């Protein structure tokens, strides 16, 4: 699942979901995010918006940062769609 990241003063970027249980999420992002920040991603397939409150992150390599956090303001239908999309792409 690929997300477009809004330009929050750093330029636009991309993120991909690495793992999630529907509440907690780990993403790899082309932009760094500090603990306490909110990552806002737009799913390129569905145009759904996902907000992640960042718990922490670290650099993975020259291009990617691994960001850990939790979803905020995620409705039950959005959560179910997210988990189904992830299962489909991994299945």
PDB file of N, CA and C in Angstrom:
ATOM      1  N   UNK A   1       0.844  -1.164   0.000  1.00  0.00           N
ATOM      2  CA  UNK A   1       0.000   0.000   0.000  1.00  0.00           C
ATOM      3  C   UNK A   1       0.896   1.236   0.000  1.00  0.00           C
ATOM      4  N   UNK A   2       0.710   2.081  -0.981  1.00  0.00           N
ATOM      5  CA  UNK A   2       1.534   3.273  -1.149  1.00  0.00           C
ATOM      6  C   UNK A   2       0.720   4.521  -0.828  1.00  0.00           C
ATOM      7  N   UNK A   3       1.322   5.418  -0.047  1.00  0.00           N
ATOM      8  CA  UNK A   3       0.677   6.675   0.316  1.00  0.00           C
ATOM      9  C   UNK A   3       1.477   7.831  -0.236  1.00  0.00           C
ATOM     10  N   UNK A   4       0.771   8.884  -0.639  1.00  0.00           N
ATOM     11  CA  UNK A   4       1.393  10.163  -0.959  1.00  0.00           C
ATOM     12  C   UNK A   4       1.383  10.990   0.315  1.00  0.00           C
ATOM     13  N   UNK A   5       2.492  11.644   0.600  1.00  0.00           N
ATOM     14  CA  UNK A   5       2.584  12.500   1.775  1.00  0.00           C
ATOM     15  C   UNK A   5       2.494  13.950   1.346  1.00  0.00           C
ATOM     16  N   UNK A   6       1.727  14.721   2.090  1.00  0.00           N
ATOM     17  CA  UNK A   6       1.558  16.138   1.797  1.00  0.00           C
ATOM     18  C   UNK A   6       2.859  16.892   2.004  1.00  0.00           C
ATOM     19  N   UNK A   7       2.961  18.006   1.327  1.00  0.00           N
ATOM     20  CA  UNK A   7       4.098  18.894   1.519  1.00  0.00           C
ATOM     21  C   UNK A   7       3.904  19.632   2.831  1.00  0.00           C
ATOM     22  N   UNK A   8       4.639  19.222   3.850  1.00  0.00           N
ATOM     23  CA  UNK A   8       4.523  19.865   5.161  1.00  0.00           C
ATOM     24  C   UNK A   8       5.762  20.716   5.458  1.00  0.00           C
ATOM     25  N   UNK A   9       6.278  21.351   4.416  1.00  0.00           N
ATOM     26  CA  UNK A   9       7.465  22.169   4.573  1.00  0.00           C
ATOM     27  C   UNK A   9       8.746  21.447   4.200  1.00  0.00           C
ATOM     28  N   UNK A  10       8.664  20.126   3.992  1.00  0.00           N
ATOM     29  CA  UNK A  10       9.829  19.331   3.618  1.00  0.00           C
ATOM     30  C   UNK A  10       9.786  18.911   2.152  1.00  0.00           C
ATOM     31  N   UNK A  11       8.698  19.239   1.481  1.00  0.00           N
ATOM     32  CA  UNK A  11       8.461  18.718   0.143  1.00  0.00           C
ATOM     33  C   UNK A  11       7.541  17.517   0.250  1.00  0.00           C
ATOM     34  N   UNK A  12       6.960  17.128  -0.853  1.00  0.00           N
ATOM     35  CA  UNK A  12       6.067  15.967  -0.868  1.00  0.00           C
ATOM     36  C   UNK A  12       6.897  14.698  -0.807  1.00  0.00           C
ATOM     37  N   UNK A  13       6.292  13.633  -0.331  1.00  0.00           N
ATOM     38  CA  UNK A  13       6.999  12.366  -0.229  1.00  0.00           C
ATOM     39  C   UNK A  13       6.065  11.200  -0.401  1.00  0.00           C
ATOM     40  N   UNK A  14       6.594  10.024  -0.123  1.00  0.00           N
ATOM     41  CA  UNK A  14       5.823   8.791  -0.219  1.00  0.00           C
ATOM     42  C   UNK A  14       6.051   7.967   1.037  1.00  0.00           C
ATOM     43  N   UNK A  15       5.086   7.113   1.332  1.00  0.00           N
ATOM     44  CA  UNK A  15       5.219   6.174   2.440  1.00  0.00           C
ATOM     45  C   UNK A  15       4.564   4.872   2.032  1.00  0.00           C
ATOM     46  N   UNK A  16       5.048   3.787   2.613  1.00  0.00           N
ATOM     47  CA  UNK A  16       4.442   2.474   2.374  1.00  0.00           C
ATOM     48  C   UNK A  16       4.256   1.781   3.715  1.00  0.00           C
ATOM     49  N   UNK A  17       3.122   1.124   3.872  1.00  0.00           N
ATOM     50  CA  UNK A  17       2.810   0.429   5.110  1.00  0.00           C
ATOM     51  C   UNK A  17       3.639  -0.849   5.162  1.00  0.00           C
ATOM     52  N   UNK A  18       4.380  -1.017   6.258  1.00  0.00           N
ATOM     53  CA  UNK A  18       5.183  -2.220   6.463  1.00  0.00           C
ATOM     54  C   UNK A  18       4.376  -3.250   7.234  1.00  0.00           C
ATOM     55  N   UNK A  19       3.736  -2.794   8.331  1.00  0.00           N
ATOM     56  CA  UNK A  19       2.875  -3.688   9.098  1.00  0.00           C
ATOM     57  C   UNK A  19       1.890  -2.868   9.916  1.00  0.00           C
ATOM     58  N   UNK A  20       0.743  -3.483  10.210  1.00  0.00           N
ATOM     59  CA  UNK A  20      -0.265  -2.839  11.044  1.00  0.00           C
ATOM     60  C   UNK A  20      -1.196  -3.894  11.611  1.00  0.00           C
ATOM     61  N   UNK A  21      -1.745  -3.573  12.780  1.00  0.00           N
ATOM     62  CA  UNK A  21      -2.798  -4.406  13.359  1.00  0.00           C
ATOM     63  C   UNK A  21      -4.136  -3.672  13.330  1.00  0.00           C
ATOM     64  N   UNK A  22      -4.154  -2.529  12.643  1.00  0.00           N
ATOM     65  CA  UNK A  22      -5.357  -1.721  12.563  1.00  0.00           C
ATOM     66  C   UNK A  22      -5.352  -0.573  13.557  1.00  0.00           C
ATOM     67  N   UNK A  23      -4.504  -0.654  14.570  1.00  0.00           N
ATOM     68  CA  UNK A  23      -4.336   0.445  15.519  1.00  0.00           C
ATOM     69  C   UNK A  23      -2.925   0.998  15.444  1.00  0.00           C
ATOM     70  N   UNK A  24      -1.954   0.150  15.646  1.00  0.00           N
ATOM     71  CA  UNK A  24      -0.547   0.549  15.518  1.00  0.00           C
ATOM     72  C   UNK A  24      -0.109   0.303  14.080  1.00  0.00           C
ATOM     73  N   UNK A  25       0.857   1.108  13.642  1.00  0.00           N
ATOM     74  CA  UNK A  25       1.315   0.974  12.263  1.00  0.00           C
ATOM     75  C   UNK A  25       2.801   1.289  12.172  1.00  0.00           C
ATOM     76  N   UNK A  26       3.458   0.591  11.292  1.00  0.00           N
ATOM     77  CA  UNK A  26       4.844   0.888  10.935  1.00  0.00           C
ATOM     78  C   UNK A  26       4.872   1.174   9.448  1.00  0.00           C
ATOM     79  N   UNK A  27       5.424   2.327   9.092  1.00  0.00           N
ATOM     80  CA  UNK A  27       5.532   2.705   7.690  1.00  0.00           C
ATOM     81  C   UNK A  27       6.987   3.034   7.378  1.00  0.00           C
ATOM     82  N   UNK A  28       7.342   2.915   6.126  1.00  0.00           N
ATOM     83  CA  UNK A  28       8.611   3.422   5.634  1.00  0.00           C
ATOM     84  C   UNK A  28       8.285   4.642   4.800  1.00  0.00           C
ATOM     85  N   UNK A  29       8.956   5.741   5.105  1.00  0.00           N
ATOM     86  CA  UNK A  29       8.651   7.037   4.514  1.00  0.00           C
ATOM     87  C   UNK A  29       9.903   7.642   3.893  1.00  0.00           C
ATOM     88  N   UNK A  30       9.703   8.406   2.826  1.00  0.00           N
ATOM     89  CA  UNK A  30      10.831   9.128   2.230  1.00  0.00           C
ATOM     90  C   UNK A  30      11.128  10.410   3.004  1.00  0.00           C
ATOM     91  N   UNK A  31      10.250  10.762   3.966  1.00  0.00           N
ATOM     92  CA  UNK A  31      10.441  11.948   4.794  1.00  0.00           C
ATOM     93  C   UNK A  31      10.571  11.545   6.256  1.00  0.00           C
ATOM     94  N   UNK A  32      11.401  12.246   7.030  1.00  0.00           N
ATOM     95  CA  UNK A  32      11.472  11.964   8.468  1.00  0.00           C
ATOM     96  C   UNK A  32      10.312  12.641   9.201  1.00  0.00           C
ATOM     97  N   UNK A  33       9.902  12.053  10.308  1.00  0.00           N
ATOM     98  CA  UNK A  33       8.874  12.632  11.167  1.00  0.00           C
ATOM     99  C   UNK A  33       9.328  12.486  12.608  1.00  0.00           C
ATOM    100  N   UNK A  34       9.247  13.564  13.357  1.00  0.00           N
ATOM    101  CA  UNK A  34       9.640  13.549  14.767  1.00  0.00           C
ATOM    102  C   UNK A  34       8.531  12.937  15.620  1.00  0.00           C
ATOM    103  N   UNK A  35       8.905  12.408  16.773  1.00  0.00           N
ATOM    104  CA  UNK A  35       7.919  11.891  17.718  1.00  0.00           C
ATOM    105  C   UNK A  35       6.940  13.009  18.060  1.00  0.00           C
ATOM    106  N   UNK A  36       5.653  12.671  18.059  1.00  0.00           N
ATOM    107  CA  UNK A  36       4.612  13.649  18.349  1.00  0.00           C
ATOM    108  C   UNK A  36       4.010  14.287  17.114  1.00  0.00           C
ATOM    109  N   UNK A  37       4.699  14.184  15.985  1.00  0.00           N
ATOM    110  CA  UNK A  37       4.176  14.742  14.733  1.00  0.00           C
ATOM    111  C   UNK A  37       3.051  13.849  14.204  1.00  0.00           C
ATOM    112  N   UNK A  38       2.278  14.385  13.289  1.00  0.00           N
ATOM    113  CA  UNK A  38       1.228  13.607  12.640  1.00  0.00           C
ATOM    114  C   UNK A  38       1.575  13.446  11.167  1.00  0.00           C
ATOM    115  N   UNK A  39       1.735  12.211  10.752  1.00  0.00           N
ATOM    116  CA  UNK A  39       1.978  11.867   9.354  1.00  0.00           C
ATOM    117  C   UNK A  39       0.602  11.742   8.695  1.00  0.00           C
ATOM    118  N   UNK A  40       0.400  12.429   7.591  1.00  0.00           N
ATOM    119  CA  UNK A  40      -0.866  12.349   6.852  1.00  0.00           C
ATOM    120  C   UNK A  40      -0.561  11.756   5.484  1.00  0.00           C
ATOM    121  N   UNK A  41      -1.135  10.582   5.243  1.00  0.00           N
ATOM    122  CA  UNK A  41      -0.918   9.903   3.972  1.00  0.00           C
ATOM    123  C   UNK A  41      -2.208   9.721   3.209  1.00  0.00           C
ATOM    124  N   UNK A  42      -2.138   9.910   1.901  1.00  0.00           N
ATOM    125  CA  UNK A  42      -3.285   9.685   1.016  1.00  0.00           C
ATOM    126  C   UNK A  42      -3.005   8.416   0.223  1.00  0.00           C
ATOM    127  N   UNK A  43      -3.864   7.419   0.390  1.00  0.00           N
ATOM    128  CA  UNK A  43      -3.723   6.151  -0.324  1.00  0.00           C
ATOM    129  C   UNK A  43      -3.872   6.412  -1.818  1.00  0.00           C
ATOM    130  N   UNK A  44      -2.861   6.049  -2.597  1.00  0.00           N
ATOM    131  CA  UNK A  44      -2.887   6.315  -4.032  1.00  0.00           C
ATOM    132  C   UNK A  44      -3.935   5.477  -4.760  1.00  0.00           C
ATOM    133  N   UNK A  45      -4.379   4.380  -4.160  1.00  0.00           N
ATOM    134  CA  UNK A  45      -5.380   3.539  -4.811  1.00  0.00           C
ATOM    135  C   UNK A  45      -6.808   3.969  -4.552  1.00  0.00           C
ATOM    136  N   UNK A  46      -7.087   4.409  -3.322  1.00  0.00           N
ATOM    137  CA  UNK A  46      -8.470   4.724  -2.940  1.00  0.00           C
ATOM    138  C   UNK A  46      -8.700   6.200  -2.627  1.00  0.00           C
ATOM    139  N   UNK A  47      -7.640   6.974  -2.555  1.00  0.00           N
ATOM    140  CA  UNK A  47      -7.691   8.379  -2.148  1.00  0.00           C
ATOM    141  C   UNK A  47      -8.137   8.547  -0.702  1.00  0.00           C
ATOM    142  N   UNK A  48      -8.137   7.454   0.071  1.00  0.00           N
ATOM    143  CA  UNK A  48      -8.451   7.544   1.495  1.00  0.00           C
ATOM    144  C   UNK A  48      -7.320   8.230   2.245  1.00  0.00           C
ATOM    145  N   UNK A  49      -7.681   9.008   3.261  1.00  0.00           N
ATOM    146  CA  UNK A  49      -6.684   9.724   4.050  1.00  0.00           C
ATOM    147  C   UNK A  49      -6.452   8.992   5.370  1.00  0.00           C
ATOM    148  N   UNK A  50      -5.183   8.798   5.711  1.00  0.00           N
ATOM    149  CA  UNK A  50      -4.812   8.142   6.955  1.00  0.00           C
ATOM    150  C   UNK A  50      -3.899   9.062   7.750  1.00  0.00           C
ATOM    151  N   UNK A  51      -4.193   9.192   9.044  1.00  0.00           N
ATOM    152  CA  UNK A  51      -3.386  10.021   9.940  1.00  0.00           C
ATOM    153  C   UNK A  51      -2.720   9.111  10.967  1.00  0.00           C
ATOM    154  N   UNK A  52      -1.416   9.309  11.137  1.00  0.00           N
ATOM    155  CA  UNK A  52      -0.640   8.506  12.070  1.00  0.00           C
ATOM    156  C   UNK A  52       0.058   9.441  13.045  1.00  0.00           C
ATOM    157  N   UNK A  53      -0.200   9.247  14.332  1.00  0.00           N
ATOM    158  CA  UNK A  53       0.516   9.984  15.369  1.00  0.00           C
ATOM    159  C   UNK A  53       1.833   9.245  15.588  1.00  0.00           C
ATOM    160  N   UNK A  54       2.934   9.923  15.339  1.00  0.00           N
ATOM    161  CA  UNK A  54       4.257   9.301  15.324  1.00  0.00           C
ATOM    162  C   UNK A  54       4.768   9.095  16.750  1.00  0.00           C
ATOM    163  N   UNK A  55       5.202   7.865  17.016  1.00  0.00           N
ATOM    164  CA  UNK A  55       5.825   7.524  18.293  1.00  0.00           C
ATOM    165  C   UNK A  55       7.334   7.657  18.207  1.00  0.00           C
ATOM    166  N   UNK A  56       7.869   7.368  17.036  1.00  0.00           N
ATOM    167  CA  UNK A  56       9.313   7.461  16.828  1.00  0.00           C
ATOM    168  C   UNK A  56       9.682   6.999  15.440  1.00  0.00           C
ATOM    169  N   UNK A  57      10.920   7.209  15.095  1.00  0.00           N
ATOM    170  CA  UNK A  57      11.392   6.796  13.777  1.00  0.00           C
ATOM    171  C   UNK A  57      12.898   6.782  13.713  1.00  0.00           C
ATOM    172  N   UNK A  58      13.398   6.149  12.660  1.00  0.00           N
ATOM    173  CA  UNK A  58      14.844   6.093  12.443  1.00  0.00           C
ATOM    174  C   UNK A  58      15.118   5.931  10.955  1.00  0.00           C
ATOM    175  N   UNK A  59      16.314   6.306  10.563  1.00  0.00           N
ATOM    176  CA  UNK A  59      16.724   6.173   9.164  1.00  0.00           C
ATOM    177  C   UNK A  59      17.015   4.698   8.868  1.00  0.00           C
ATOM    178  N   UNK A  60      16.496   4.213   7.743  1.00  0.00           N
ATOM    179  CA  UNK A  60      16.746   2.837   7.307  1.00  0.00           C
ATOM    180  C   UNK A  60      17.915   2.805   6.327  1.00  0.00           C
ATOM    181  N   UNK A  61      17.902   3.713   5.362  1.00  0.00           N
ATOM    182  CA  UNK A  61      18.974   3.821   4.377  1.00  0.00           C
ATOM    183  C   UNK A  61      18.968   5.242   3.820  1.00  0.00           C
ATOM    184  N   UNK A  62      19.614   5.451   2.693  1.00  0.00           N
ATOM    185  CA  UNK A  62      19.707   6.801   2.130  1.00  0.00           C
ATOM    186  C   UNK A  62      18.365   7.384   1.699  1.00  0.00           C
ATOM    187  N   UNK A  63      17.369   6.527   1.461  1.00  0.00           N
ATOM    188  CA  UNK A  63      16.090   7.006   0.939  1.00  0.00           C
ATOM    189  C   UNK A  63      14.936   6.888   1.933  1.00  0.00           C
ATOM    190  N   UNK A  64      14.945   5.915   2.824  1.00  0.00           N
ATOM    191  CA  UNK A  64      13.777   5.602   3.643  1.00  0.00           C
ATOM    192  C   UNK A  64      14.015   5.802   5.135  1.00  0.00           C
ATOM    193  N   UNK A  65      12.910   6.186   5.818  1.00  0.00           N
ATOM    194  CA  UNK A  65      12.855   6.274   7.264  1.00  0.00           C
ATOM    195  C   UNK A  65      11.772   5.312   7.740  1.00  0.00           C
ATOM    196  N   UNK A  66      12.028   4.585   8.822  1.00  0.00           N
ATOM    197  CA  UNK A  66      11.030   3.684   9.399  1.00  0.00           C
ATOM    198  C   UNK A  66      10.328   4.453  10.515  1.00  0.00           C
ATOM    199  N   UNK A  67       9.020   4.627  10.380  1.00  0.00           N
ATOM    200  CA  UNK A  67       8.213   5.422  11.300  1.00  0.00           C
ATOM    201  C   UNK A  67       7.221   4.499  12.006  1.00  0.00           C
ATOM    202  N   UNK A  68       7.152   4.608  13.329  1.00  0.00           N
ATOM    203  CA  UNK A  68       6.195   3.828  14.112  1.00  0.00           C
ATOM    204  C   UNK A  68       5.211   4.780  14.778  1.00  0.00           C
ATOM    205  N   UNK A  69       3.949   4.367  14.817  1.00  0.00           N
ATOM    206  CA  UNK A  69       2.940   5.211  15.438  1.00  0.00           C
ATOM    207  C   UNK A  69       1.614   4.504  15.548  1.00  0.00           C
ATOM    208  N   UNK A  70       0.575   5.305  15.727  1.00  0.00           N
ATOM    209  CA  UNK A  70      -0.780   4.753  15.834  1.00  0.00           C
ATOM    210  C   UNK A  70      -1.718   5.602  14.988  1.00  0.00           C
ATOM    211  N   UNK A  71      -2.726   4.938  14.463  1.00  0.00           N
ATOM    212  CA  UNK A  71      -3.726   5.656  13.675  1.00  0.00           C
ATOM    213  C   UNK A  71      -4.562   6.551  14.585  1.00  0.00           C
ATOM    214  N   UNK A  72      -4.930   7.716  14.086  1.00  0.00           N
ATOM    215  CA  UNK A  72      -5.856   8.605  14.786  1.00  0.00           C
ATOM    216  C   UNK A  72      -7.009   8.909  13.840  1.00  0.00           C
ATOM    217  N   UNK A  73      -8.197   9.063  14.416  1.00  0.00           N
ATOM    218  CA  UNK A  73      -9.407   9.399  13.657  1.00  0.00           C
ATOM    219  C   UNK A  73      -9.704   8.394  12.550  1.00  0.00           C
ATOM    220  N   UNK A  74      -9.454   7.125  12.818  1.00  0.00           N
ATOM    221  CA  UNK A  74      -9.715   6.087  11.822  1.00  0.00           C
ATOM    222  C   UNK A  74     -11.051   5.427  12.151  1.00  0.00           C
ATOM    223  N   UNK A  75     -12.006   5.521  11.231  1.00  0.00           N
ATOM    224  CA  UNK A  75     -13.315   4.914  11.457  1.00  0.00           C
ATOM    225  C   UNK A  75     -13.218   3.402  11.283  1.00  0.00           C
ATOM    226  N   UNK A  76     -14.209   2.704  11.809  1.00  0.00           N
ATOM    227  CA  UNK A  76     -14.225   1.254  11.690  1.00  0.00           C
ATOM    228  C   UNK A  76     -14.244   0.806  10.221  1.00  0.00           C
ATOM    229  N   UNK A  77     -15.082   1.408   9.350  1.00  0.00           N
ATOM    230  CA  UNK A  77     -15.051   1.010   7.929  1.00  0.00           C
ATOM    231  C   UNK A  77     -13.685   1.281   7.275  1.00  0.00           C
ATOM    232  N   UNK A  78     -13.055   2.410   7.625  1.00  0.00           N
ATOM    233  CA  UNK A  78     -11.724   2.706   7.074  1.00  0.00           C
ATOM    234  C   UNK A  78     -10.698   1.678   7.541  1.00  0.00           C
ATOM    235  N   UNK A  79     -10.779   1.287   8.819  1.00  0.00           N
ATOM    236  CA  UNK A  79      -9.864   0.283   9.365  1.00  0.00           C
ATOM    237  C   UNK A  79     -10.037  -1.056   8.648  1.00  0.00           C
ATOM    238  N   UNK A  80     -11.295  -1.454   8.453  1.00  0.00           N
ATOM    239  CA  UNK A  80     -11.573  -2.724   7.767  1.00  0.00           C
ATOM    240  C   UNK A  80     -11.069  -2.689   6.326  1.00  0.00           C
ATOM    241  N   UNK A  81     -11.270  -1.557   5.640  1.00  0.00           N
ATOM    242  CA  UNK A  81     -10.798  -1.416   4.266  1.00  0.00           C
ATOM    243  C   UNK A  81      -9.267  -1.464   4.220  1.00  0.00           C
ATOM    244  N   UNK A  82      -8.614  -0.777   5.149  1.00  0.00           N
ATOM    245  CA  UNK A  82      -7.158  -0.775   5.224  1.00  0.00           C
ATOM    246  C   UNK A  82      -6.617  -2.193   5.411  1.00  0.00           C
ATOM    247  N   UNK A  83      -7.173  -2.917   6.378  1.00  0.00           N
ATOM    248  CA  UNK A  83      -6.696  -4.271   6.637  1.00  0.00           C
ATOM    249  C   UNK A  83      -6.966  -5.205   5.460  1.00  0.00           C
ATOM    250  N   UNK A  84      -8.116  -5.027   4.787  1.00  0.00           N
ATOM    251  CA  UNK A  84      -8.430  -5.844   3.608  1.00  0.00           C
ATOM    252  C   UNK A  84      -7.473  -5.530   2.454  1.00  0.00           C
ATOM    253  N   UNK A  85      -7.160  -4.248   2.256  1.00  0.00           N
ATOM    254  CA  UNK A  85      -6.225  -3.852   1.191  1.00  0.00           C
ATOM    255  C   UNK A  85      -4.836  -4.435   1.445  1.00  0.00           C
ATOM    256  N   UNK A  86      -4.402  -4.397   2.693  1.00  0.00           N
ATOM    257  CA  UNK A  86      -3.074  -4.935   3.030  1.00  0.00           C
ATOM    258  C   UNK A  86      -3.058  -6.443   2.822  1.00  0.00           C
ATOM    259  N   UNK A  87      -4.118  -7.132   3.264  1.00  0.00           N
ATOM    260  CA  UNK A  87      -4.191  -8.592   3.088  1.00  0.00           C
ATOM    261  C   UNK A  87      -4.176  -8.953   1.602  1.00  0.00           C
ATOM    262  N   UNK A  88      -4.876  -8.158   0.785  1.00  0.00           N
ATOM    263  CA  UNK A  88      -4.937  -8.437  -0.648  1.00  0.00           C
ATOM    264  C   UNK A  88      -3.581  -8.258  -1.308  1.00  0.00           C
ATOM    265  N   UNK A  89      -2.849  -7.207  -0.932  1.00  0.00           N
ATOM    266  CA  UNK A  89      -1.551  -6.951  -1.554  1.00  0.00           C
ATOM    267  C   UNK A  89      -0.487  -7.938  -1.085  1.00  0.00           C
ATOM    268  N   UNK A  90      -0.676  -8.506   0.087  1.00  0.00           N
ATOM    269  CA  UNK A  90       0.295  -9.468   0.615  1.00  0.00           C
ATOM    270  C   UNK A  90      -0.079 -10.895   0.288  1.00  0.00           C
ATOM    271  N   UNK A  91      -1.373 -11.114  -0.049  1.00  0.00           N
ATOM    272  CA  UNK A  91      -1.906 -12.451  -0.267  1.00  0.00           C
ATOM    273  C   UNK A  91      -1.509 -13.032  -1.542  1.00  0.00           C
TER     274      UNK A  91
END
